[in-house]
N, C-alpha and C. Protein backbone atom coordinates (compact mmCIF):
# COMPACT_ATOMS: atom_id res chain seq x y z
N UNK A 1 0.84 -1.18 0.00
CA UNK A 1 0.00 0.00 0.00
C UNK A 1 0.89 1.24 0.00
N UNK A 2 0.53 2.21 -0.78
CA UNK A 2 1.21 3.51 -0.83
C UNK A 2 1.24 4.12 0.57
N UNK A 3 2.38 4.66 0.98
CA UNK A 3 2.56 5.22 2.34
C UNK A 3 1.56 6.34 2.63
N UNK A 4 1.33 7.23 1.66
CA UNK A 4 0.38 8.33 1.87
C UNK A 4 -1.03 7.78 2.07
N UNK A 5 -1.41 6.81 1.25
CA UNK A 5 -2.73 6.21 1.39
C UNK A 5 -2.87 5.49 2.73
N UNK A 6 -1.82 4.82 3.18
CA UNK A 6 -1.84 4.14 4.48
C UNK A 6 -2.04 5.13 5.61
N UNK A 7 -1.38 6.28 5.52
CA UNK A 7 -1.53 7.30 6.55
C UNK A 7 -2.95 7.84 6.57
N UNK A 8 -3.51 8.10 5.41
CA UNK A 8 -4.89 8.60 5.33
C UNK A 8 -5.87 7.54 5.84
N UNK A 9 -5.70 6.29 5.42
CA UNK A 9 -6.60 5.20 5.78
C UNK A 9 -6.61 4.96 7.29
N UNK A 10 -5.46 5.14 7.94
CA UNK A 10 -5.37 4.91 9.39
C UNK A 10 -5.63 6.18 10.19
N UNK A 11 -5.83 7.30 9.54
CA UNK A 11 -5.88 8.60 10.23
C UNK A 11 -6.93 8.71 11.33
N UNK A 12 -8.13 8.14 11.21
CA UNK A 12 -9.05 8.27 12.35
C UNK A 12 -8.46 7.69 13.64
N UNK A 13 -7.82 6.54 13.53
CA UNK A 13 -7.20 5.93 14.71
C UNK A 13 -5.93 6.65 15.13
N UNK A 14 -5.17 7.12 14.16
CA UNK A 14 -3.94 7.87 14.48
C UNK A 14 -4.29 9.16 15.21
N UNK A 15 -5.38 9.82 14.81
CA UNK A 15 -5.79 11.06 15.49
C UNK A 15 -6.16 10.78 16.94
N UNK A 16 -6.79 9.65 17.19
CA UNK A 16 -7.08 9.25 18.57
C UNK A 16 -5.78 9.03 19.33
N UNK A 17 -4.83 8.37 18.70
CA UNK A 17 -3.52 8.16 19.32
C UNK A 17 -2.80 9.47 19.59
N UNK A 18 -2.91 10.42 18.65
CA UNK A 18 -2.28 11.73 18.85
C UNK A 18 -2.92 12.48 20.02
N UNK A 19 -4.23 12.31 20.21
CA UNK A 19 -4.89 12.94 21.35
C UNK A 19 -4.34 12.38 22.66
N UNK A 20 -4.18 11.05 22.72
CA UNK A 20 -3.58 10.44 23.92
C UNK A 20 -2.13 10.89 24.06
N UNK A 21 -1.44 11.02 22.94
CA UNK A 21 -0.06 11.48 22.98
C UNK A 21 0.06 12.90 23.50
N UNK A 22 -0.85 13.76 23.06
CA UNK A 22 -0.85 15.14 23.55
C UNK A 22 -1.11 15.16 25.05
N UNK A 23 -2.04 14.32 25.50
CA UNK A 23 -2.30 14.20 26.93
C UNK A 23 -1.04 13.76 27.68
N UNK A 24 -0.30 12.84 27.08
CA UNK A 24 0.97 12.41 27.69
C UNK A 24 1.93 13.58 27.79
N UNK A 25 2.07 14.33 26.70
CA UNK A 25 3.03 15.44 26.68
C UNK A 25 2.71 16.52 27.70
N UNK A 26 1.42 16.87 27.84
CA UNK A 26 1.07 17.94 28.77
C UNK A 26 1.08 17.49 30.22
N UNK A 27 1.26 16.18 30.45
CA UNK A 27 1.33 15.66 31.81
C UNK A 27 2.70 15.03 32.11
N UNK A 28 3.72 15.53 31.40
CA UNK A 28 5.08 15.12 31.70
C UNK A 28 5.64 14.00 30.85
N UNK A 29 4.89 13.52 29.89
CA UNK A 29 5.37 12.44 29.02
C UNK A 29 6.30 12.96 27.94
N UNK A 30 6.77 12.06 27.13
CA UNK A 30 7.71 12.38 26.04
C UNK A 30 7.25 11.70 24.75
N UNK A 31 7.82 12.17 23.64
CA UNK A 31 7.52 11.60 22.32
C UNK A 31 8.83 11.30 21.59
N UNK A 32 8.75 10.35 20.68
CA UNK A 32 9.89 10.01 19.83
C UNK A 32 9.33 9.38 18.56
N UNK A 33 10.11 9.41 17.51
CA UNK A 33 9.72 8.74 16.27
C UNK A 33 10.66 7.57 16.06
N UNK A 34 10.08 6.40 15.89
CA UNK A 34 10.85 5.18 15.64
C UNK A 34 10.18 4.42 14.50
N UNK A 35 10.98 4.07 13.50
CA UNK A 35 10.50 3.26 12.38
C UNK A 35 9.23 3.85 11.75
N UNK A 36 9.19 5.17 11.64
CA UNK A 36 8.09 5.85 10.96
C UNK A 36 6.82 5.99 11.77
N UNK A 37 6.87 5.72 13.05
CA UNK A 37 5.69 5.79 13.92
C UNK A 37 6.00 6.72 15.08
N UNK A 38 5.02 7.51 15.50
CA UNK A 38 5.20 8.38 16.66
C UNK A 38 4.90 7.57 17.91
N UNK A 39 5.85 7.54 18.82
CA UNK A 39 5.68 6.84 20.09
C UNK A 39 5.62 7.86 21.22
N UNK A 40 4.71 7.65 22.14
CA UNK A 40 4.58 8.48 23.33
C UNK A 40 4.74 7.58 24.54
N UNK A 41 5.26 8.15 25.61
CA UNK A 41 5.35 7.39 26.85
C UNK A 41 5.26 8.34 28.03
N UNK A 42 4.77 7.81 29.13
CA UNK A 42 4.69 8.58 30.36
C UNK A 42 3.39 9.35 30.50
N UNK A 43 3.36 10.20 31.52
CA UNK A 43 2.20 11.04 31.77
C UNK A 43 0.96 10.24 32.13
N UNK A 44 -0.18 10.86 31.92
CA UNK A 44 -1.46 10.24 32.26
C UNK A 44 -1.70 8.92 31.51
N UNK A 45 -1.36 8.81 30.22
CA UNK A 45 -1.56 7.51 29.58
C UNK A 45 -0.80 6.37 30.28
N UNK A 46 0.40 6.65 30.77
CA UNK A 46 1.13 5.62 31.52
C UNK A 46 0.34 5.22 32.76
N UNK A 47 -0.11 6.22 33.48
CA UNK A 47 -0.88 5.97 34.69
C UNK A 47 -2.12 5.13 34.36
N UNK A 48 -2.84 5.50 33.29
CA UNK A 48 -4.07 4.79 32.90
C UNK A 48 -3.77 3.35 32.47
N UNK A 49 -2.75 3.16 31.64
CA UNK A 49 -2.42 1.79 31.20
C UNK A 49 -2.05 0.91 32.39
N UNK A 50 -1.28 1.46 33.32
CA UNK A 50 -0.87 0.67 34.48
C UNK A 50 -2.07 0.32 35.36
N UNK A 51 -3.00 1.25 35.53
CA UNK A 51 -4.15 1.00 36.40
C UNK A 51 -5.19 0.10 35.73
N UNK A 52 -5.52 0.39 34.49
CA UNK A 52 -6.58 -0.34 33.80
C UNK A 52 -6.17 -1.78 33.52
N UNK A 53 -4.90 -2.00 33.19
CA UNK A 53 -4.46 -3.34 32.82
C UNK A 53 -3.66 -4.03 33.92
N UNK A 54 -3.63 -3.45 35.09
CA UNK A 54 -2.86 -4.00 36.22
C UNK A 54 -1.40 -4.23 35.84
N UNK A 55 -0.88 -3.38 34.95
CA UNK A 55 0.52 -3.46 34.56
C UNK A 55 0.84 -4.57 33.57
N UNK A 56 -0.18 -5.19 32.96
CA UNK A 56 0.07 -6.30 32.05
C UNK A 56 0.31 -5.87 30.61
N UNK A 57 -0.06 -4.66 30.25
CA UNK A 57 0.14 -4.18 28.88
C UNK A 57 1.19 -3.08 28.90
N UNK A 58 2.23 -3.27 28.11
CA UNK A 58 3.33 -2.31 28.05
C UNK A 58 3.06 -1.16 27.09
N UNK A 59 2.28 -1.43 26.04
CA UNK A 59 2.05 -0.43 25.01
C UNK A 59 0.73 -0.71 24.30
N UNK A 60 0.24 0.32 23.61
CA UNK A 60 -1.03 0.25 22.90
C UNK A 60 -0.86 1.00 21.59
N UNK A 61 -1.30 0.41 20.48
CA UNK A 61 -1.17 1.03 19.18
C UNK A 61 -2.50 1.60 18.72
N UNK A 62 -2.46 2.81 18.20
CA UNK A 62 -3.62 3.45 17.59
C UNK A 62 -3.15 4.04 16.26
N UNK A 63 -3.40 3.33 15.18
CA UNK A 63 -2.97 3.77 13.86
C UNK A 63 -1.46 3.82 13.77
N UNK A 64 -0.94 5.00 13.47
CA UNK A 64 0.52 5.19 13.38
C UNK A 64 1.09 5.83 14.65
N UNK A 65 0.43 5.58 15.78
CA UNK A 65 0.94 6.03 17.07
C UNK A 65 0.99 4.84 18.02
N UNK A 66 1.99 4.86 18.88
CA UNK A 66 2.10 3.83 19.91
C UNK A 66 2.24 4.56 21.24
N UNK A 67 1.40 4.18 22.19
CA UNK A 67 1.43 4.75 23.53
C UNK A 67 2.04 3.69 24.44
N UNK A 68 3.14 4.02 25.08
CA UNK A 68 3.81 3.08 25.98
C UNK A 68 3.94 3.62 27.37
N UNK A 69 4.18 2.74 28.32
CA UNK A 69 4.32 3.20 29.69
C UNK A 69 5.68 3.85 29.94
N UNK A 70 6.74 3.30 29.36
CA UNK A 70 8.09 3.83 29.54
C UNK A 70 8.88 3.63 28.24
N UNK A 71 10.04 4.29 28.11
CA UNK A 71 10.88 4.02 26.94
C UNK A 71 11.31 2.56 26.85
N UNK A 72 11.61 1.94 27.98
CA UNK A 72 12.02 0.53 27.98
C UNK A 72 10.85 -0.36 27.53
N UNK A 73 9.65 -0.05 27.98
CA UNK A 73 8.47 -0.81 27.56
C UNK A 73 8.30 -0.72 26.05
N UNK A 74 8.51 0.46 25.49
CA UNK A 74 8.42 0.63 24.04
C UNK A 74 9.47 -0.21 23.33
N UNK A 75 10.69 -0.24 23.86
CA UNK A 75 11.75 -1.06 23.26
C UNK A 75 11.35 -2.53 23.25
N UNK A 76 10.77 -3.00 24.34
CA UNK A 76 10.38 -4.41 24.46
C UNK A 76 9.22 -4.73 23.51
N UNK A 77 8.25 -3.83 23.42
CA UNK A 77 7.01 -4.10 22.69
C UNK A 77 7.03 -3.66 21.23
N UNK A 78 8.08 -2.99 20.79
CA UNK A 78 8.09 -2.35 19.47
C UNK A 78 7.76 -3.30 18.32
N UNK A 79 8.40 -4.45 18.23
CA UNK A 79 8.13 -5.37 17.12
C UNK A 79 6.66 -5.82 17.13
N UNK A 80 6.16 -6.16 18.31
CA UNK A 80 4.77 -6.58 18.46
C UNK A 80 3.83 -5.44 18.01
N UNK A 81 4.09 -4.24 18.48
CA UNK A 81 3.21 -3.11 18.17
C UNK A 81 3.26 -2.75 16.69
N UNK A 82 4.40 -2.96 16.04
CA UNK A 82 4.49 -2.67 14.61
C UNK A 82 3.69 -3.66 13.77
N UNK A 83 3.46 -4.85 14.29
CA UNK A 83 2.52 -5.76 13.61
C UNK A 83 1.13 -5.12 13.64
N UNK A 84 0.77 -4.54 14.78
CA UNK A 84 -0.53 -3.85 14.87
C UNK A 84 -0.59 -2.65 13.92
N UNK A 85 0.51 -1.93 13.78
CA UNK A 85 0.53 -0.80 12.82
C UNK A 85 0.19 -1.33 11.43
N UNK A 86 0.80 -2.42 11.03
CA UNK A 86 0.49 -3.01 9.71
C UNK A 86 -0.96 -3.47 9.63
N UNK A 87 -1.49 -4.00 10.72
CA UNK A 87 -2.90 -4.40 10.75
C UNK A 87 -3.81 -3.18 10.56
N UNK A 88 -3.48 -2.08 11.22
CA UNK A 88 -4.24 -0.84 11.03
C UNK A 88 -4.17 -0.38 9.58
N UNK A 89 -3.02 -0.54 8.94
CA UNK A 89 -2.89 -0.14 7.54
C UNK A 89 -3.78 -0.96 6.63
N UNK A 90 -4.07 -2.19 7.01
CA UNK A 90 -4.97 -3.04 6.23
C UNK A 90 -6.43 -2.72 6.56
N UNK A 91 -6.75 -2.66 7.83
CA UNK A 91 -8.13 -2.53 8.28
C UNK A 91 -8.61 -1.09 8.42
N UNK A 92 -7.68 -0.13 8.55
CA UNK A 92 -8.05 1.28 8.68
C UNK A 92 -9.05 1.51 9.81
N UNK A 93 -10.10 2.30 9.55
CA UNK A 93 -11.06 2.62 10.60
C UNK A 93 -11.88 1.41 11.07
N UNK A 94 -11.77 0.31 10.38
CA UNK A 94 -12.48 -0.91 10.78
C UNK A 94 -11.70 -1.74 11.79
N UNK A 95 -10.44 -1.35 12.05
CA UNK A 95 -9.59 -2.17 12.92
C UNK A 95 -10.17 -2.30 14.33
N UNK A 96 -10.52 -1.19 14.96
CA UNK A 96 -11.00 -1.27 16.35
C UNK A 96 -12.28 -2.10 16.47
N UNK A 97 -13.29 -1.91 15.60
CA UNK A 97 -14.45 -2.80 15.70
C UNK A 97 -14.10 -4.27 15.42
N UNK A 98 -13.21 -4.52 14.46
CA UNK A 98 -12.81 -5.90 14.16
C UNK A 98 -12.06 -6.51 15.34
N UNK A 99 -11.19 -5.74 15.96
CA UNK A 99 -10.45 -6.21 17.13
C UNK A 99 -11.41 -6.55 18.26
N UNK A 100 -12.37 -5.65 18.51
CA UNK A 100 -13.36 -5.90 19.57
C UNK A 100 -14.18 -7.15 19.26
N UNK A 101 -14.57 -7.32 18.01
CA UNK A 101 -15.34 -8.49 17.61
C UNK A 101 -14.53 -9.77 17.85
N UNK A 102 -13.26 -9.76 17.49
CA UNK A 102 -12.41 -10.95 17.68
C UNK A 102 -12.24 -11.26 19.16
N UNK A 103 -12.13 -10.25 20.00
CA UNK A 103 -12.03 -10.47 21.45
C UNK A 103 -13.32 -11.06 21.98
N UNK A 104 -14.45 -10.50 21.55
CA UNK A 104 -15.74 -11.00 21.98
C UNK A 104 -15.95 -12.45 21.53
N UNK A 105 -15.59 -12.74 20.30
CA UNK A 105 -15.74 -14.09 19.77
C UNK A 105 -14.85 -15.08 20.53
N UNK A 106 -13.62 -14.68 20.82
CA UNK A 106 -12.72 -15.55 21.59
C UNK A 106 -13.32 -15.83 22.97
N UNK A 107 -13.77 -14.79 23.64
CA UNK A 107 -14.36 -14.94 24.97
C UNK A 107 -15.62 -15.80 24.91
N UNK A 108 -16.47 -15.55 23.92
CA UNK A 108 -17.74 -16.26 23.77
C UNK A 108 -17.52 -17.75 23.57
N UNK A 109 -16.43 -18.10 22.92
CA UNK A 109 -16.14 -19.52 22.64
C UNK A 109 -15.24 -20.16 23.71
N UNK A 110 -15.10 -19.48 24.84
CA UNK A 110 -14.37 -20.05 25.95
C UNK A 110 -12.87 -19.84 25.92
N UNK A 111 -12.40 -18.95 25.05
CA UNK A 111 -10.97 -18.66 24.97
C UNK A 111 -10.67 -17.33 25.67
N UNK A 112 -9.41 -16.98 25.69
CA UNK A 112 -8.99 -15.72 26.32
C UNK A 112 -9.25 -14.55 25.36
N UNK A 113 -9.95 -13.54 25.84
CA UNK A 113 -10.35 -12.41 25.00
C UNK A 113 -9.16 -11.65 24.42
N UNK A 114 -8.09 -11.54 25.19
CA UNK A 114 -6.91 -10.81 24.69
C UNK A 114 -5.97 -11.74 23.93
N UNK A 115 -5.46 -12.73 24.60
CA UNK A 115 -4.38 -13.55 24.03
C UNK A 115 -4.83 -14.41 22.85
N UNK A 116 -6.11 -14.79 22.82
CA UNK A 116 -6.61 -15.61 21.73
C UNK A 116 -7.30 -14.78 20.63
N UNK A 117 -7.24 -13.48 20.75
CA UNK A 117 -7.74 -12.59 19.70
C UNK A 117 -6.88 -12.81 18.45
N UNK A 118 -7.52 -12.91 17.29
CA UNK A 118 -6.81 -13.14 16.03
C UNK A 118 -5.66 -12.15 15.83
N UNK A 119 -5.92 -10.87 16.09
CA UNK A 119 -4.91 -9.84 15.87
C UNK A 119 -3.72 -9.99 16.81
N UNK A 120 -3.99 -10.38 18.06
CA UNK A 120 -2.90 -10.61 19.01
C UNK A 120 -2.11 -11.86 18.66
N UNK A 121 -2.79 -12.90 18.24
CA UNK A 121 -2.07 -14.12 17.85
C UNK A 121 -1.10 -13.81 16.72
N UNK A 122 -1.56 -13.01 15.76
CA UNK A 122 -0.68 -12.63 14.65
C UNK A 122 0.50 -11.80 15.18
N UNK A 123 0.22 -10.86 16.06
CA UNK A 123 1.28 -9.98 16.58
C UNK A 123 2.29 -10.76 17.42
N UNK A 124 1.82 -11.79 18.13
CA UNK A 124 2.72 -12.63 18.92
C UNK A 124 3.40 -13.70 18.08
N UNK A 125 3.00 -13.83 16.82
CA UNK A 125 3.63 -14.80 15.94
C UNK A 125 3.12 -16.21 16.12
N UNK A 126 1.92 -16.35 16.69
CA UNK A 126 1.32 -17.68 16.88
C UNK A 126 0.78 -18.25 15.59
């Protein structure tokens, strides 16, 4: 897919990620660009990720943005999160509903909603 088209196609989700990134920046977080993606860490998003997920999720991808708890967490999760970036480039604005559907389907069939989600299995290389 053409890079410009990929950016446009993922833009609704990337804008959401940029909003979380801005929240990180105004609350003491930092930003960096790695492998063509804007990464944010720290601030309120770090606090929220740690509280909501009990510290089990190191980073979260929204389009061409990745929100991480710390720079080290981003280093650890980068390859995994870049699989999600590619998934966003394919699914565009349909990614979040498709992801939610896969989690619901996994849970409904007696599997783990997160780890057995199709998108996570792909990102983990299962």
